[in-house]
Amino acid sequence: MTLVEMLERNEREFPNKIAIIYRHTGITYRELNVTVDKIANALIAMGLKKGDRVGLMLPRVPELIVSFLSIAKAQGIVVPINFELLEEKIRTILINILPRYLIIHENFLDLAKRSLPSGLKIPIIAVGERMNGEEFFWEEMLKGKSSPPPALEVKENDVVYLNYTTGSTGNPKGAITTHSHIYWNTVASIDALKMTSNDVHLCMFAPFAHPHEIFARPLYLGGTMVLVDKIYPKSIAEAIAHHQVTCMMGLAPMYENLLEVLEHKTYNFGSLRIPESGGMYTRPELIERFKRKVGVPILSVLGTTETAGIAIANRPGETIISGSAGKPCKSYEVKIVDEYDMELPKNEIGEMIFKGPGVVQGYYQDPINTQSCFKNGWYYSGDLGRRDEENNFYFIERKSGMMKVAGLKVYPLEIELALLEHPDIKEVAIISVKDTLRGEIPKAVIVTKNGVDLTEKEVIAFCRDRLPNYMVPRIVELREALPKIGSGKINKKELQMERI
């Protein structure tokens, strides 16, 4: 089933149901489909052909959803661009994809223009207030009467977008994603999380990181999505309470921030039944604190850009095993293998590999990484993990993040979790530093709560009570903040590069 079929079915079956809520304004499925048809027809009239790429630099606003679905209806390929990247990185992506058009929010117009490759003309469709000098304007494209849908056949195996990785461990790679990939992942996640057409969804992922996850589930179910363009904890809390959000997706720090907000003001989170946490490790202590305060536990899930969303999940109503991301979702196969591609016994650490109809088959214009990461139908994630006797899977560390201290394997996450038990530590990143005696040693980069001053000696002593000697950080650095990538995860690559 394609995204286009989902949208047109919803307009037929419940045209007056609210599809999108944004800033207390509702957009029905009929209104959404009418708008999508207008933009799709305008793009076709402007010369968009099947397979043409269209770059998006849009915040979490209705135009993001409309653009995605309109390009899909016009048989184009959506390419969300990370507007938090440096200009040269954006320029590299633009040269790689050679987009037919760029749809740019007014907030990012200057950035987009500075990032344009020299000598390459890419027309811009401006979203927002009318600006002089632009060739096309979103509002102009919406003028006129309603138009029939484009007379084009969109198929399940058509490529619908290039889902670029965040590039936390290397250059961003564009996962070639079809309608079918999104469909199978959506069905799998809905099955695992027991979602229904009555659910109200709030997804706080960055609009350039897995943007389909903002709308694919409610679109398939005929549910409602709430868009919050600001990531302030108070704004999120107000949206949950006011719109009676039932399902939400975000990173662990967002839930930490929500708990801080709830300490100072009461919000009614009674509607919330599925708080989903992916993208990074979620500490069991945070899950328990959230359950005590809100009444439901955070559900840890695990997925990648290449699996088109979550592939492993904890289920609502089931016992959550401490530290586990849960069991594989419907239609996904997961294995733990060694460096020789042999499947490992239970509880042994190895690389997590994935297979299934929701798993993409390669990267755009990138045969080297495609050949390296996709073998015999399996996607090799570069994530180290293990599985237990009950088929629960556990994330250990990025394969590239593992270090060897005097020949012994050290996983930074283990040290980070130990340090986060300290009452004055808010965030921590463990990185590798070269050492003539041991080969590598762990360094701790720490952000304390309320700017509390900790000494290196205090931090090391705290670790010695909890970790083997070879895992204790030998260097400690305090900072006011840690660098983040667009998804909100700590940018260890940047921290590591500072050592070079």
Foldseek 3Di string as FASTA:
>chain_A
DFLLVLLVVLCVPPQADFAEAEPNDTAGSVNLVLLLQLLLVLVVVVPDAAAAEEEEDDFQDSVLVSVLSSCLLNNYAYAYDALVDQLQLSLVVCVQRVHQAYEYEPVCPVSVVSSHDPPRDHAYAYEDDDDPPHPHYSVVSRDDDGDDHDPDDRDQARFRYFQWFLQLPHRTFTFRAGSQLLVVVLVQVCVQAVDAQAAEEEEDFTCSHLVCVQRSNNSNRVHYYYTDRDLQLVSVLCCCQVVVHAEYEAAQVSLVNVVVVCVPDPGQNVSYQAAEHEDDFHAPVSQVVCCVRHVFGYKAFYDGVQLSDTQAIHYGPDDDDGQFRHAGTPFKDKFFAAPVRHGDDAPDKHWIKMAGSNGTQATRPCVVVSVVQHDPRIGGDQWIWGAHPVRTIHTQARVVQWDFFQNHTDGFVVLQVLLVVDQFWDGWGWHWDQDPPGRIFIEIETETPPRDDDDPVRQQVSVVVPDPPRNRGPHYHYDNDADATSRGHGSVVVVVVVND
